[in-house]
Structures are given as C-alpha cells and as structure tokens.
C-alpha cells in the first residue's frame, strides 16, 4: 500500500518500510507515532483527508541535518560580506503500517 500523508505542513509519499525525514517531533527513538492526516491511499483521494485511514511509524532517531551556508553579499561593498549557517532539526521515521 502507498499513501500520501501531511506532516508539518509538507506532504510525503510513503510506502511500508520507507524511512522519511520529517520536521522534528517530540518523540524518543523506538516510540510509535501515528499520522492521521492521510491525503491519498492507493488512488483514493480524500476531501481533504480520508476518514478511518492512518499511517503508523516508528521513530528511528532525532538529529540535525547537514549545515547549509548562507552568504550575504553586496557588490562593490567589502564591509557587508558575511556568512551564516543553519542546521534544521529532523526526526527520522520508519513507516511500519498503513491502515485504510
């Protein structure tokens, strides 16, 4: 079974045994999480969500993604060159079961 779920304002296309990186959740590793906002399940489309459809997953780990570099630059002005960085926190989840 395949499904489209909505988590943290983003949509993810998932199948069983997939591992996805989502916005950080308040859950510890080996905790079970349930996603109730299922948008599509094997071709059935909800308006906006499907009723009685859930996706269950197991938290693998919490962490931070690789650092990205942000450069701010104005041409012909050497005093305003600066570098910033950002690491987005994430939760890695393994999809264990799709009910619907």
PDB file of N, CA and C in Angstrom:
ATOM      1  N   UNK A   1       0.847  -1.185   0.000  1.00  0.00           N
ATOM      2  CA  UNK A   1       0.000   0.000   0.000  1.00  0.00           C
ATOM      3  C   UNK A   1       0.889   1.243   0.000  1.00  0.00           C
ATOM      4  N   UNK A   2       0.405   2.252  -0.646  1.00  0.00           N
ATOM      5  CA  UNK A   2       1.109   3.526  -0.699  1.00  0.00           C
ATOM      6  C   UNK A   2       0.154   4.626  -0.279  1.00  0.00           C
ATOM      7  N   UNK A   3       0.714   5.672   0.321  1.00  0.00           N
ATOM      8  CA  UNK A   3      -0.134   6.752   0.830  1.00  0.00           C
ATOM      9  C   UNK A   3       0.605   8.074   0.723  1.00  0.00           C
ATOM     10  N   UNK A   4      -0.167   9.141   0.766  1.00  0.00           N
ATOM     11  CA  UNK A   4       0.372  10.493   0.871  1.00  0.00           C
ATOM     12  C   UNK A   4      -0.113  11.047   2.202  1.00  0.00           C
ATOM     13  N   UNK A   5       0.850  11.447   3.051  1.00  0.00           N
ATOM     14  CA  UNK A   5       0.499  11.985   4.364  1.00  0.00           C
ATOM     15  C   UNK A   5       0.975  13.424   4.465  1.00  0.00           C
ATOM     16  N   UNK A   6       0.371  14.152   5.385  1.00  0.00           N
ATOM     17  CA  UNK A   6       0.745  15.541   5.620  1.00  0.00           C
ATOM     18  C   UNK A   6       1.295  15.643   7.040  1.00  0.00           C
ATOM     19  N   UNK A   7       2.544  16.108   7.150  1.00  0.00           N
ATOM     20  CA  UNK A   7       3.204  16.258   8.447  1.00  0.00           C
ATOM     21  C   UNK A   7       3.984  17.570   8.425  1.00  0.00           C
ATOM     22  N   UNK A   8       3.729  18.423   9.389  1.00  0.00           N
ATOM     23  CA  UNK A   8       4.498  19.662   9.494  1.00  0.00           C
ATOM     24  C   UNK A   8       4.342  20.586   8.311  1.00  0.00           C
ATOM     25  N   UNK A   9       3.176  20.589   7.668  1.00  0.00           N
ATOM     26  CA  UNK A   9       2.944  21.476   6.533  1.00  0.00           C
ATOM     27  C   UNK A   9       3.506  20.958   5.222  1.00  0.00           C
ATOM     28  N   UNK A  10       4.070  19.755   5.211  1.00  0.00           N
ATOM     29  CA  UNK A  10       4.632  19.172   3.998  1.00  0.00           C
ATOM     30  C   UNK A  10       3.954  17.843   3.723  1.00  0.00           C
ATOM     31  N   UNK A  11       3.975  17.433   2.461  1.00  0.00           N
ATOM     32  CA  UNK A  11       3.354  16.180   2.068  1.00  0.00           C
ATOM     33  C   UNK A  11       4.442  15.168   1.709  1.00  0.00           C
ATOM     34  N   UNK A  12       4.220  13.911   2.115  1.00  0.00           N
ATOM     35  CA  UNK A  12       5.187  12.854   1.876  1.00  0.00           C
ATOM     36  C   UNK A  12       4.484  11.657   1.246  1.00  0.00           C
ATOM     37  N   UNK A  13       5.082  11.106   0.194  1.00  0.00           N
ATOM     38  CA  UNK A  13       4.590   9.892  -0.454  1.00  0.00           C
ATOM     39  C   UNK A  13       5.326   8.729   0.199  1.00  0.00           C
ATOM     40  N   UNK A  14       4.587   7.838   0.876  1.00  0.00           N
ATOM     41  CA  UNK A  14       5.221   6.783   1.662  1.00  0.00           C
ATOM     42  C   UNK A  14       4.655   5.415   1.305  1.00  0.00           C
ATOM     43  N   UNK A  15       5.449   4.409   1.570  1.00  0.00           N
ATOM     44  CA  UNK A  15       5.042   3.009   1.489  1.00  0.00           C
ATOM     45  C   UNK A  15       5.569   2.331   2.748  1.00  0.00           C
ATOM     46  N   UNK A  16       5.143   1.109   2.983  1.00  0.00           N
ATOM     47  CA  UNK A  16       5.611   0.401   4.169  1.00  0.00           C
ATOM     48  C   UNK A  16       7.115   0.160   4.073  1.00  0.00           C
ATOM     49  N   UNK A  17       7.795   0.245   5.223  1.00  0.00           N
ATOM     50  CA  UNK A  17       9.247   0.085   5.378  1.00  0.00           C
ATOM     51  C   UNK A  17      10.055   1.228   4.776  1.00  0.00           C
ATOM     52  N   UNK A  18       9.437   2.334   4.412  1.00  0.00           N
ATOM     53  CA  UNK A  18      10.165   3.522   3.982  1.00  0.00           C
ATOM     54  C   UNK A  18      10.675   4.272   5.198  1.00  0.00           C
ATOM     55  N   UNK A  19      11.797   4.966   5.037  1.00  0.00           N
ATOM     56  CA  UNK A  19      12.315   5.848   6.082  1.00  0.00           C
ATOM     57  C   UNK A  19      12.267   7.270   5.544  1.00  0.00           C
ATOM     58  N   UNK A  20      11.626   8.166   6.294  1.00  0.00           N
ATOM     59  CA  UNK A  20      11.480   9.547   5.846  1.00  0.00           C
ATOM     60  C   UNK A  20      12.035  10.492   6.907  1.00  0.00           C
ATOM     61  N   UNK A  21      12.501  11.640   6.462  1.00  0.00           N
ATOM     62  CA  UNK A  21      12.972  12.698   7.338  1.00  0.00           C
ATOM     63  C   UNK A  21      11.872  13.751   7.407  1.00  0.00           C
ATOM     64  N   UNK A  22      11.332  13.995   8.605  1.00  0.00           N
ATOM     65  CA  UNK A  22      10.251  14.964   8.767  1.00  0.00           C
ATOM     66  C   UNK A  22      10.668  16.007   9.788  1.00  0.00           C
ATOM     67  N   UNK A  23       9.846  17.047   9.917  1.00  0.00           N
ATOM     68  CA  UNK A  23      10.102  18.075  10.916  1.00  0.00           C
ATOM     69  C   UNK A  23      10.169  17.431  12.290  1.00  0.00           C
ATOM     70  N   UNK A  24      10.948  18.006  13.174  1.00  0.00           N
ATOM     71  CA  UNK A  24      11.190  17.399  14.483  1.00  0.00           C
ATOM     72  C   UNK A  24       9.901  17.193  15.275  1.00  0.00           C
ATOM     73  N   UNK A  25       9.749  15.973  15.809  1.00  0.00           N
ATOM     74  CA  UNK A  25       8.622  15.607  16.657  1.00  0.00           C
ATOM     75  C   UNK A  25       9.107  15.450  18.095  1.00  0.00           C
ATOM     76  N   UNK A  26       8.196  15.630  19.046  1.00  0.00           N
ATOM     77  CA  UNK A  26       8.532  15.398  20.448  1.00  0.00           C
ATOM     78  C   UNK A  26       8.353  13.921  20.752  1.00  0.00           C
ATOM     79  N   UNK A  27       9.265  13.105  20.255  1.00  0.00           N
ATOM     80  CA  UNK A  27       9.208  11.658  20.467  1.00  0.00           C
ATOM     81  C   UNK A  27      10.634  11.139  20.594  1.00  0.00           C
ATOM     82  N   UNK A  28      10.784  10.102  21.362  1.00  0.00           N
ATOM     83  CA  UNK A  28      12.083   9.464  21.568  1.00  0.00           C
ATOM     84  C   UNK A  28      12.247   8.310  20.582  1.00  0.00           C
ATOM     85  N   UNK A  29      13.487   7.883  20.343  1.00  0.00           N
ATOM     86  CA  UNK A  29      13.694   6.726  19.469  1.00  0.00           C
ATOM     87  C   UNK A  29      12.944   5.493  19.979  1.00  0.00           C
ATOM     88  N   UNK A  30      12.471   4.689  19.065  1.00  0.00           N
ATOM     89  CA  UNK A  30      11.666   3.476  19.290  1.00  0.00           C
ATOM     90  C   UNK A  30      10.248   3.773  19.771  1.00  0.00           C
ATOM     91  N   UNK A  31       9.832   5.053  19.785  1.00  0.00           N
ATOM     92  CA  UNK A  31       8.435   5.391  20.062  1.00  0.00           C
ATOM     93  C   UNK A  31       7.610   5.170  18.798  1.00  0.00           C
ATOM     94  N   UNK A  32       6.337   4.893  18.973  1.00  0.00           N
ATOM     95  CA  UNK A  32       5.424   4.727  17.850  1.00  0.00           C
ATOM     96  C   UNK A  32       4.642   6.020  17.648  1.00  0.00           C
ATOM     97  N   UNK A  33       4.586   6.487  16.409  1.00  0.00           N
ATOM     98  CA  UNK A  33       3.824   7.689  16.078  1.00  0.00           C
ATOM     99  C   UNK A  33       2.763   7.313  15.053  1.00  0.00           C
ATOM    100  N   UNK A  34       1.641   8.041  15.105  1.00  0.00           N
ATOM    101  CA  UNK A  34       0.531   7.773  14.193  1.00  0.00           C
ATOM    102  C   UNK A  34       0.171   9.059  13.464  1.00  0.00           C
ATOM    103  N   UNK A  35       0.070   8.966  12.156  1.00  0.00           N
ATOM    104  CA  UNK A  35      -0.282  10.101  11.321  1.00  0.00           C
ATOM    105  C   UNK A  35      -1.710   9.908  10.844  1.00  0.00           C
ATOM    106  N   UNK A  36      -2.581  10.851  11.189  1.00  0.00           N
ATOM    107  CA  UNK A  36      -3.999  10.737  10.835  1.00  0.00           C
ATOM    108  C   UNK A  36      -4.383  11.579   9.632  1.00  0.00           C
ATOM    109  N   UNK A  37      -3.494  12.475   9.207  1.00  0.00           N
ATOM    110  CA  UNK A  37      -3.794  13.315   8.053  1.00  0.00           C
ATOM    111  C   UNK A  37      -3.322  12.605   6.779  1.00  0.00           C
ATOM    112  N   UNK A  38      -4.135  11.676   6.312  1.00  0.00           N
ATOM    113  CA  UNK A  38      -3.834  10.905   5.107  1.00  0.00           C
ATOM    114  C   UNK A  38      -4.606  11.540   3.955  1.00  0.00           C
ATOM    115  N   UNK A  39      -3.874  12.015   2.951  1.00  0.00           N
ATOM    116  CA  UNK A  39      -4.491  12.702   1.814  1.00  0.00           C
ATOM    117  C   UNK A  39      -4.916  11.730   0.714  1.00  0.00           C
ATOM    118  N   UNK A  40      -4.122  10.667   0.515  1.00  0.00           N
ATOM    119  CA  UNK A  40      -4.415   9.719  -0.546  1.00  0.00           C
ATOM    120  C   UNK A  40      -3.950   8.330  -0.119  1.00  0.00           C
ATOM    121  N   UNK A  41      -4.713   7.315  -0.492  1.00  0.00           N
ATOM    122  CA  UNK A  41      -4.365   5.939  -0.152  1.00  0.00           C
ATOM    123  C   UNK A  41      -4.708   5.041  -1.332  1.00  0.00           C
ATOM    124  N   UNK A  42      -3.680   4.536  -2.020  1.00  0.00           N
ATOM    125  CA  UNK A  42      -3.866   3.655  -3.182  1.00  0.00           C
ATOM    126  C   UNK A  42      -4.872   4.195  -4.198  1.00  0.00           C
ATOM    127  N   UNK A  43      -4.742   5.443  -4.566  1.00  0.00           N
ATOM    128  CA  UNK A  43      -5.603   6.034  -5.584  1.00  0.00           C
ATOM    129  C   UNK A  43      -6.866   6.685  -5.066  1.00  0.00           C
ATOM    130  N   UNK A  44      -7.245   6.423  -3.822  1.00  0.00           N
ATOM    131  CA  UNK A  44      -8.413   7.093  -3.240  1.00  0.00           C
ATOM    132  C   UNK A  44      -7.962   8.442  -2.698  1.00  0.00           C
ATOM    133  N   UNK A  45      -8.648   9.490  -3.101  1.00  0.00           N
ATOM    134  CA  UNK A  45      -8.284  10.842  -2.695  1.00  0.00           C
ATOM    135  C   UNK A  45      -9.312  11.354  -1.706  1.00  0.00           C
ATOM    136  N   UNK A  46      -8.854  11.937  -0.607  1.00  0.00           N
ATOM    137  CA  UNK A  46      -9.752  12.473   0.401  1.00  0.00           C
ATOM    138  C   UNK A  46     -10.107  13.913   0.128  1.00  0.00           C
ATOM    139  N   UNK A  47     -11.098  14.417   0.852  1.00  0.00           N
ATOM    140  CA  UNK A  47     -11.527  15.812   0.709  1.00  0.00           C
ATOM    141  C   UNK A  47     -11.563  16.483   2.062  1.00  0.00           C
ATOM    142  N   UNK A  48     -10.565  17.027   2.640  1.00  0.00           N
ATOM    143  CA  UNK A  48      -9.160  16.948   2.248  1.00  0.00           C
ATOM    144  C   UNK A  48      -8.460  15.700   2.762  1.00  0.00           C
ATOM    145  N   UNK A  49      -9.010  15.041   3.814  1.00  0.00           N
ATOM    146  CA  UNK A  49      -8.362  13.849   4.361  1.00  0.00           C
ATOM    147  C   UNK A  49      -9.305  12.648   4.252  1.00  0.00           C
ATOM    148  N   UNK A  50      -8.719  11.469   4.229  1.00  0.00           N
ATOM    149  CA  UNK A  50      -9.505  10.240   4.239  1.00  0.00           C
ATOM    150  C   UNK A  50      -9.911   9.901   5.667  1.00  0.00           C
ATOM    151  N   UNK A  51     -11.145   9.452   5.832  1.00  0.00           N
ATOM    152  CA  UNK A  51     -11.602   9.047   7.155  1.00  0.00           C
ATOM    153  C   UNK A  51     -11.169   7.610   7.418  1.00  0.00           C
ATOM    154  N   UNK A  52     -10.893   7.304   8.664  1.00  0.00           N
ATOM    155  CA  UNK A  52     -10.504   5.958   9.110  1.00  0.00           C
ATOM    156  C   UNK A  52      -9.240   5.445   8.436  1.00  0.00           C
ATOM    157  N   UNK A  53      -8.370   6.330   8.016  1.00  0.00           N
ATOM    158  CA  UNK A  53      -7.096   5.926   7.427  1.00  0.00           C
ATOM    159  C   UNK A  53      -5.968   6.497   8.292  1.00  0.00           C
ATOM    160  N   UNK A  54      -5.029   5.649   8.666  1.00  0.00           N
ATOM    161  CA  UNK A  54      -3.892   6.083   9.476  1.00  0.00           C
ATOM    162  C   UNK A  54      -2.615   5.446   8.949  1.00  0.00           C
ATOM    163  N   UNK A  55      -1.528   6.108   9.227  1.00  0.00           N
ATOM    164  CA  UNK A  55      -0.206   5.579   8.902  1.00  0.00           C
ATOM    165  C   UNK A  55       0.571   5.541  10.207  1.00  0.00           C
ATOM    166  N   UNK A  56       1.133   4.388  10.531  1.00  0.00           N
ATOM    167  CA  UNK A  56       1.870   4.206  11.776  1.00  0.00           C
ATOM    168  C   UNK A  56       3.353   4.079  11.458  1.00  0.00           C
ATOM    169  N   UNK A  57       4.170   4.702  12.312  1.00  0.00           N
ATOM    170  CA  UNK A  57       5.611   4.639  12.112  1.00  0.00           C
ATOM    171  C   UNK A  57       6.354   4.541  13.424  1.00  0.00           C
ATOM    172  N   UNK A  58       7.622   4.182  13.320  1.00  0.00           N
ATOM    173  CA  UNK A  58       8.494   4.071  14.485  1.00  0.00           C
ATOM    174  C   UNK A  58       9.622   5.083  14.333  1.00  0.00           C
ATOM    175  N   UNK A  59       9.880   5.859  15.397  1.00  0.00           N
ATOM    176  CA  UNK A  59      10.936   6.861  15.364  1.00  0.00           C
ATOM    177  C   UNK A  59      12.281   6.150  15.389  1.00  0.00           C
ATOM    178  N   UNK A  60      13.131   6.439  14.409  1.00  0.00           N
ATOM    179  CA  UNK A  60      14.458   5.839  14.351  1.00  0.00           C
ATOM    180  C   UNK A  60      15.444   6.696  15.129  1.00  0.00           C
ATOM    181  N   UNK A  61      15.480   8.008  14.824  1.00  0.00           N
ATOM    182  CA  UNK A  61      16.367   8.896  15.574  1.00  0.00           C
ATOM    183  C   UNK A  61      15.974  10.342  15.361  1.00  0.00           C
ATOM    184  N   UNK A  62      16.412  11.189  16.278  1.00  0.00           N
ATOM    185  CA  UNK A  62      16.278  12.636  16.169  1.00  0.00           C
ATOM    186  C   UNK A  62      17.667  13.189  15.901  1.00  0.00           C
ATOM    187  N   UNK A  63      17.756  14.258  15.150  1.00  0.00           N
ATOM    188  CA  UNK A  63      19.067  14.825  14.867  1.00  0.00           C
ATOM    189  C   UNK A  63      18.947  16.149  14.153  1.00  0.00           C
ATOM    190  N   UNK A  64      20.095  16.582  13.628  1.00  0.00           N
ATOM    191  CA  UNK A  64      20.136  17.809  12.840  1.00  0.00           C
ATOM    192  C   UNK A  64      20.710  17.474  11.479  1.00  0.00           C
ATOM    193  N   UNK A  65      20.202  18.156  10.457  1.00  0.00           N
ATOM    194  CA  UNK A  65      20.664  17.921   9.104  1.00  0.00           C
ATOM    195  C   UNK A  65      22.022  18.570   8.891  1.00  0.00           C
ATOM    196  N   UNK A  66      22.601  18.319   7.746  1.00  0.00           N
ATOM    197  CA  UNK A  66      23.886  18.890   7.389  1.00  0.00           C
ATOM    198  C   UNK A  66      23.779  20.407   7.323  1.00  0.00           C
ATOM    199  N   UNK A  67      24.814  21.092   7.777  1.00  0.00           N
ATOM    200  CA  UNK A  67      24.794  22.553   7.815  1.00  0.00           C
ATOM    201  C   UNK A  67      24.808  23.129   6.407  1.00  0.00           C
ATOM    202  N   UNK A  68      23.939  24.121   6.188  1.00  0.00           N
ATOM    203  CA  UNK A  68      23.947  24.831   4.916  1.00  0.00           C
ATOM    204  C   UNK A  68      24.571  26.202   5.140  1.00  0.00           C
ATOM    205  N   UNK A  69      25.244  26.703   4.144  1.00  0.00           N
ATOM    206  CA  UNK A  69      25.906  28.004   4.223  1.00  0.00           C
ATOM    207  C   UNK A  69      25.051  29.046   3.517  1.00  0.00           C
ATOM    208  N   UNK A  70      24.888  30.184   4.169  1.00  0.00           N
ATOM    209  CA  UNK A  70      24.125  31.286   3.605  1.00  0.00           C
ATOM    210  C   UNK A  70      25.080  32.471   3.478  1.00  0.00           C
ATOM    211  N   UNK A  71      25.286  32.943   2.250  1.00  0.00           N
ATOM    212  CA  UNK A  71      26.179  34.069   2.016  1.00  0.00           C
ATOM    213  C   UNK A  71      25.361  35.318   1.717  1.00  0.00           C
ATOM    214  N   UNK A  72      25.680  36.398   2.405  1.00  0.00           N
ATOM    215  CA  UNK A  72      25.080  37.684   2.131  1.00  0.00           C
ATOM    216  C   UNK A  72      26.165  38.554   1.502  1.00  0.00           C
ATOM    217  N   UNK A  73      25.889  39.095   0.336  1.00  0.00           N
ATOM    218  CA  UNK A  73      26.915  39.810  -0.409  1.00  0.00           C
ATOM    219  C   UNK A  73      26.294  40.976  -1.142  1.00  0.00           C
ATOM    220  N   UNK A  74      26.952  42.099  -1.064  1.00  0.00           N
ATOM    221  CA  UNK A  74      26.586  43.261  -1.864  1.00  0.00           C
ATOM    222  C   UNK A  74      27.798  43.624  -2.711  1.00  0.00           C
ATOM    223  N   UNK A  75      27.591  43.772  -4.004  1.00  0.00           N
ATOM    224  CA  UNK A  75      28.721  44.030  -4.883  1.00  0.00           C
ATOM    225  C   UNK A  75      29.352  45.396  -4.584  1.00  0.00           C
ATOM    226  N   UNK A  76      30.661  45.438  -4.707  1.00  0.00           N
ATOM    227  CA  UNK A  76      31.472  46.643  -4.512  1.00  0.00           C
ATOM    228  C   UNK A  76      31.369  47.203  -3.097  1.00  0.00           C
ATOM    229  N   UNK A  77      31.053  46.371  -2.134  1.00  0.00           N
ATOM    230  CA  UNK A  77      30.970  46.821  -0.750  1.00  0.00           C
ATOM    231  C   UNK A  77      31.551  45.713   0.126  1.00  0.00           C
ATOM    232  N   UNK A  78      32.851  45.796   0.407  1.00  0.00           N
ATOM    233  CA  UNK A  78      33.534  44.711   1.097  1.00  0.00           C
ATOM    234  C   UNK A  78      33.154  44.587   2.569  1.00  0.00           C
ATOM    235  N   UNK A  79      32.564  45.598   3.140  1.00  0.00           N
ATOM    236  CA  UNK A  79      32.272  45.539   4.573  1.00  0.00           C
ATOM    237  C   UNK A  79      31.009  44.722   4.874  1.00  0.00           C
ATOM    238  N   UNK A  80      30.203  44.402   3.881  1.00  0.00           N
ATOM    239  CA  UNK A  80      28.943  43.709   4.137  1.00  0.00           C
ATOM    240  C   UNK A  80      28.960  42.239   3.719  1.00  0.00           C
ATOM    241  N   UNK A  81      30.153  41.633   3.582  1.00  0.00           N
ATOM    242  CA  UNK A  81      30.216  40.211   3.284  1.00  0.00           C
ATOM    243  C   UNK A  81      30.107  39.447   4.593  1.00  0.00           C
ATOM    244  N   UNK A  82      29.138  38.569   4.690  1.00  0.00           N
ATOM    245  CA  UNK A  82      29.047  37.761   5.902  1.00  0.00           C
ATOM    246  C   UNK A  82      28.504  36.381   5.572  1.00  0.00           C
ATOM    247  N   UNK A  83      28.829  35.446   6.435  1.00  0.00           N
ATOM    248  CA  UNK A  83      28.421  34.057   6.260  1.00  0.00           C
ATOM    249  C   UNK A  83      27.588  33.643   7.457  1.00  0.00           C
ATOM    250  N   UNK A  84      26.485  32.988   7.173  1.00  0.00           N
ATOM    251  CA  UNK A  84      25.657  32.435   8.227  1.00  0.00           C
ATOM    252  C   UNK A  84      25.479  30.955   7.942  1.00  0.00           C
ATOM    253  N   UNK A  85      25.045  30.222   8.953  1.00  0.00           N
ATOM    254  CA  UNK A  85      24.788  28.802   8.765  1.00  0.00           C
ATOM    255  C   UNK A  85      23.501  28.413   9.470  1.00  0.00           C
ATOM    256  N   UNK A  86      22.957  27.271   9.053  1.00  0.00           N
ATOM    257  CA  UNK A  86      21.711  26.806   9.657  1.00  0.00           C
ATOM    258  C   UNK A  86      21.661  25.289   9.586  1.00  0.00           C
ATOM    259  N   UNK A  87      21.240  24.656  10.690  1.00  0.00           N
ATOM    260  CA  UNK A  87      21.035  23.215  10.725  1.00  0.00           C
ATOM    261  C   UNK A  87      19.611  22.954  11.190  1.00  0.00           C
ATOM    262  N   UNK A  88      18.800  22.383  10.314  1.00  0.00           N
ATOM    263  CA  UNK A  88      17.396  22.137  10.617  1.00  0.00           C
ATOM    264  C   UNK A  88      17.256  20.841  11.416  1.00  0.00           C
ATOM    265  N   UNK A  89      16.563  20.866  12.569  1.00  0.00           N
ATOM    266  CA  UNK A  89      16.340  19.618  13.301  1.00  0.00           C
ATOM    267  C   UNK A  89      15.318  18.744  12.573  1.00  0.00           C
ATOM    268  N   UNK A  90      15.500  17.427  12.680  1.00  0.00           N
ATOM    269  CA  UNK A  90      14.614  16.499  11.997  1.00  0.00           C
ATOM    270  C   UNK A  90      14.359  15.283  12.869  1.00  0.00           C
ATOM    271  N   UNK A  91      13.390  14.489  12.454  1.00  0.00           N
ATOM    272  CA  UNK A  91      13.111  13.192  13.045  1.00  0.00           C
ATOM    273  C   UNK A  91      13.043  12.186  11.902  1.00  0.00           C
ATOM    274  N   UNK A  92      13.782  11.102  12.045  1.00  0.00           N
ATOM    275  CA  UNK A  92      13.771  10.049  11.035  1.00  0.00           C
ATOM    276  C   UNK A  92      12.764   8.995  11.482  1.00  0.00           C
ATOM    277  N   UNK A  93      11.787   8.700  10.615  1.00  0.00           N
ATOM    278  CA  UNK A  93      10.696   7.782  10.951  1.00  0.00           C
ATOM    279  C   UNK A  93      10.658   6.648   9.931  1.00  0.00           C
ATOM    280  N   UNK A  94      10.516   5.400  10.421  1.00  0.00           N
ATOM    281  CA  UNK A  94      10.320   4.246   9.554  1.00  0.00           C
ATOM    282  C   UNK A  94       8.839   3.902   9.554  1.00  0.00           C
ATOM    283  N   UNK A  95       8.229   3.883   8.383  1.00  0.00           N
ATOM    284  CA  UNK A  95       6.804   3.572   8.247  1.00  0.00           C
ATOM    285  C   UNK A  95       6.618   2.065   8.434  1.00  0.00           C
ATOM    286  N   UNK A  96       5.788   1.696   9.418  1.00  0.00           N
ATOM    287  CA  UNK A  96       5.601   0.267   9.712  1.00  0.00           C
ATOM    288  C   UNK A  96       4.287  -0.281   9.192  1.00  0.00           C
ATOM    289  N   UNK A  97       3.231   0.528   9.211  1.00  0.00           N
ATOM    290  CA  UNK A  97       1.923   0.001   8.818  1.00  0.00           C
ATOM    291  C   UNK A  97       1.054   1.114   8.234  1.00  0.00           C
ATOM    292  N   UNK A  98       0.314   0.771   7.180  1.00  0.00           N
ATOM    293  CA  UNK A  98      -0.640   1.700   6.576  1.00  0.00           C
ATOM    294  C   UNK A  98      -2.020   1.057   6.679  1.00  0.00           C
ATOM    295  N   UNK A  99      -2.919   1.724   7.412  1.00  0.00           N
ATOM    296  CA  UNK A  99      -4.277   1.207   7.602  1.00  0.00           C
ATOM    297  C   UNK A  99      -5.260   2.019   6.775  1.00  0.00           C
ATOM    298  N   UNK A 100      -6.219   1.365   6.193  1.00  0.00           N
ATOM    299  CA  UNK A 100      -7.198   2.125   5.455  1.00  0.00           C
ATOM    300  C   UNK A 100      -8.253   1.301   4.913  1.00  0.00           C
TER     301      UNK A 100
END
